[in-house]
Amino acid sequence: MKHTSILRVLPYFFLAILVHALYNSLLSFDFIGAATGLIAALLVSFATIKIVISKIKKLDKQSS
């Protein structure tokens, strides 16, 4: 198994912190903030799923 440097992981860690902070700040508003936060969470979830699926397909093609 290939070991990854922590420096390659840090940008994703900070991105996760940023997204979480943004989501929490949107929820601090009443209904509009909660609805916006829900929509933002769904968009981030769908985008992440799409990215992961495309990376899996790319890796599957490389291993064939």
N, C-alpha and C. Protein backbone atom coordinates (compact mmCIF):
# COMPACT_ATOMS: atom_id res chain seq x y z
N MET A 1 0.84 -1.19 0.00
CA MET A 1 0.00 0.00 0.00
C MET A 1 0.89 1.25 0.00
N LYS A 2 0.53 2.21 -0.79
CA LYS A 2 1.31 3.44 -0.93
C LYS A 2 0.94 4.40 0.21
N HIS A 3 1.97 4.92 0.87
CA HIS A 3 1.74 5.90 1.94
C HIS A 3 1.70 7.30 1.35
N THR A 4 0.78 8.10 1.85
CA THR A 4 0.60 9.45 1.35
C THR A 4 1.13 10.44 2.38
N SER A 5 1.82 11.45 1.91
CA SER A 5 2.32 12.49 2.79
C SER A 5 1.16 13.28 3.37
N ILE A 6 1.35 13.72 4.59
CA ILE A 6 0.30 14.51 5.24
C ILE A 6 0.06 15.83 4.51
N LEU A 7 1.07 16.31 3.80
CA LEU A 7 0.91 17.57 3.07
C LEU A 7 -0.11 17.44 1.94
N ARG A 8 -0.30 16.24 1.40
CA ARG A 8 -1.31 16.05 0.36
C ARG A 8 -2.71 16.03 0.93
N VAL A 9 -2.84 15.71 2.20
CA VAL A 9 -4.15 15.58 2.85
C VAL A 9 -4.61 16.91 3.44
N LEU A 10 -3.69 17.76 3.84
CA LEU A 10 -4.05 19.00 4.53
C LEU A 10 -5.00 19.91 3.76
N PRO A 11 -4.84 20.12 2.45
CA PRO A 11 -5.81 20.99 1.76
C PRO A 11 -7.25 20.48 1.86
N TYR A 12 -7.43 19.18 1.81
CA TYR A 12 -8.78 18.61 1.91
C TYR A 12 -9.32 18.75 3.32
N PHE A 13 -8.43 18.63 4.30
CA PHE A 13 -8.83 18.82 5.69
C PHE A 13 -9.32 20.25 5.91
N PHE A 14 -8.55 21.22 5.40
CA PHE A 14 -8.95 22.62 5.55
C PHE A 14 -10.21 22.94 4.74
N LEU A 15 -10.38 22.30 3.61
CA LEU A 15 -11.61 22.48 2.83
C LEU A 15 -12.81 21.96 3.62
N ALA A 16 -12.66 20.83 4.28
CA ALA A 16 -13.74 20.28 5.10
C ALA A 16 -14.08 21.23 6.24
N ILE A 17 -13.07 21.81 6.86
CA ILE A 17 -13.32 22.78 7.94
C ILE A 17 -14.07 23.99 7.40
N LEU A 18 -13.65 24.49 6.23
CA LEU A 18 -14.31 25.65 5.63
C LEU A 18 -15.77 25.37 5.29
N VAL A 19 -16.03 24.22 4.68
CA VAL A 19 -17.41 23.86 4.33
C VAL A 19 -18.26 23.72 5.59
N HIS A 20 -17.70 23.10 6.61
CA HIS A 20 -18.45 22.93 7.87
C HIS A 20 -18.74 24.29 8.51
N ALA A 21 -17.78 25.18 8.50
CA ALA A 21 -17.99 26.51 9.08
C ALA A 21 -19.04 27.29 8.29
N LEU A 22 -18.99 27.19 6.97
CA LEU A 22 -19.98 27.86 6.13
C LEU A 22 -21.38 27.32 6.42
N TYR A 23 -21.48 26.00 6.50
CA TYR A 23 -22.78 25.38 6.78
C TYR A 23 -23.31 25.83 8.15
N ASN A 24 -22.44 25.84 9.16
CA ASN A 24 -22.88 26.27 10.49
C ASN A 24 -23.29 27.73 10.50
N SER A 25 -22.58 28.59 9.76
CA SER A 25 -22.96 30.00 9.74
C SER A 25 -24.30 30.20 9.04
N LEU A 26 -24.55 29.43 7.99
CA LEU A 26 -25.85 29.54 7.31
C LEU A 26 -26.99 29.10 8.23
N LEU A 27 -26.74 28.10 9.06
CA LEU A 27 -27.79 27.63 9.96
C LEU A 27 -28.05 28.59 11.11
N SER A 28 -27.15 29.52 11.35
CA SER A 28 -27.36 30.46 12.44
C SER A 28 -28.49 31.44 12.13
N PHE A 29 -28.86 31.59 10.86
CA PHE A 29 -30.01 32.40 10.49
C PHE A 29 -31.27 31.55 10.65
N ASP A 30 -32.40 32.19 10.65
CA ASP A 30 -33.64 31.45 10.88
C ASP A 30 -33.97 30.54 9.70
N PHE A 31 -35.18 30.61 9.20
CA PHE A 31 -35.64 29.68 8.16
C PHE A 31 -34.83 29.78 6.88
N ILE A 32 -34.55 31.01 6.44
CA ILE A 32 -33.82 31.20 5.18
C ILE A 32 -32.43 30.57 5.28
N GLY A 33 -31.78 30.76 6.43
CA GLY A 33 -30.46 30.17 6.62
C GLY A 33 -30.52 28.65 6.65
N ALA A 34 -31.54 28.10 7.31
CA ALA A 34 -31.68 26.65 7.38
C ALA A 34 -31.95 26.07 6.00
N ALA A 35 -32.83 26.71 5.24
CA ALA A 35 -33.14 26.22 3.89
C ALA A 35 -31.92 26.32 2.99
N THR A 36 -31.21 27.44 3.07
CA THR A 36 -30.00 27.63 2.28
C THR A 36 -28.94 26.61 2.69
N GLY A 37 -28.81 26.38 3.99
CA GLY A 37 -27.85 25.40 4.48
C GLY A 37 -28.17 24.00 3.99
N LEU A 38 -29.44 23.66 3.98
CA LEU A 38 -29.84 22.35 3.48
C LEU A 38 -29.54 22.21 2.00
N ILE A 39 -29.86 23.22 1.23
CA ILE A 39 -29.58 23.17 -0.21
C ILE A 39 -28.07 23.10 -0.46
N ALA A 40 -27.31 23.89 0.28
CA ALA A 40 -25.85 23.87 0.13
C ALA A 40 -25.29 22.49 0.50
N ALA A 41 -25.80 21.90 1.56
CA ALA A 41 -25.34 20.57 1.97
C ALA A 41 -25.65 19.52 0.91
N LEU A 42 -26.83 19.61 0.32
CA LEU A 42 -27.20 18.67 -0.73
C LEU A 42 -26.33 18.85 -1.97
N LEU A 43 -26.07 20.10 -2.34
CA LEU A 43 -25.21 20.36 -3.50
C LEU A 43 -23.79 19.84 -3.28
N VAL A 44 -23.25 20.10 -2.10
CA VAL A 44 -21.90 19.60 -1.78
C VAL A 44 -21.89 18.08 -1.78
N SER A 45 -22.93 17.47 -1.24
CA SER A 45 -23.01 16.00 -1.21
C SER A 45 -23.05 15.42 -2.63
N PHE A 46 -23.90 15.98 -3.47
CA PHE A 46 -24.01 15.47 -4.83
C PHE A 46 -22.71 15.69 -5.62
N ALA A 47 -22.09 16.85 -5.43
CA ALA A 47 -20.83 17.11 -6.12
C ALA A 47 -19.74 16.15 -5.65
N THR A 48 -19.69 15.90 -4.37
CA THR A 48 -18.70 14.97 -3.82
C THR A 48 -18.92 13.56 -4.34
N ILE A 49 -20.16 13.13 -4.39
CA ILE A 49 -20.47 11.79 -4.90
C ILE A 49 -20.06 11.67 -6.36
N LYS A 50 -20.35 12.71 -7.15
CA LYS A 50 -19.97 12.70 -8.56
C LYS A 50 -18.45 12.62 -8.73
N ILE A 51 -17.72 13.39 -7.95
CA ILE A 51 -16.26 13.38 -8.01
C ILE A 51 -15.71 12.01 -7.63
N VAL A 52 -16.24 11.43 -6.57
CA VAL A 52 -15.76 10.11 -6.11
C VAL A 52 -16.05 9.04 -7.16
N ILE A 53 -17.23 9.08 -7.75
CA ILE A 53 -17.57 8.09 -8.78
C ILE A 53 -16.64 8.23 -9.99
N SER A 54 -16.36 9.46 -10.40
CA SER A 54 -15.47 9.64 -11.55
C SER A 54 -14.05 9.17 -11.23
N LYS A 55 -13.58 9.39 -10.02
CA LYS A 55 -12.24 8.92 -9.63
C LYS A 55 -12.20 7.40 -9.58
N ILE A 56 -13.25 6.77 -9.10
CA ILE A 56 -13.31 5.31 -9.06
C ILE A 56 -13.27 4.75 -10.47
N LYS A 57 -14.04 5.34 -11.38
CA LYS A 57 -14.03 4.88 -12.77
C LYS A 57 -12.66 5.05 -13.40
N LYS A 58 -12.01 6.17 -13.12
CA LYS A 58 -10.66 6.42 -13.66
C LYS A 58 -9.67 5.38 -13.14
N LEU A 59 -9.74 5.08 -11.85
CA LEU A 59 -8.84 4.09 -11.27
C LEU A 59 -9.14 2.68 -11.80
N ASP A 60 -10.41 2.39 -12.04
CA ASP A 60 -10.77 1.09 -12.60
C ASP A 60 -10.19 0.93 -14.00
N LYS A 61 -10.22 1.99 -14.80
CA LYS A 61 -9.66 1.94 -16.14
C LYS A 61 -8.14 1.75 -16.10
N GLN A 62 -7.49 2.38 -15.15
CA GLN A 62 -6.03 2.27 -15.02
C GLN A 62 -5.60 0.88 -14.61
N SER A 63 -6.41 0.22 -13.78
CA SER A 63 -6.02 -1.11 -13.29
C SER A 63 -6.32 -2.22 -14.28
N SER A 64 -7.11 -1.92 -15.30
CA SER A 64 -7.47 -2.94 -16.31
C SER A 64 -6.38 -3.18 -17.30
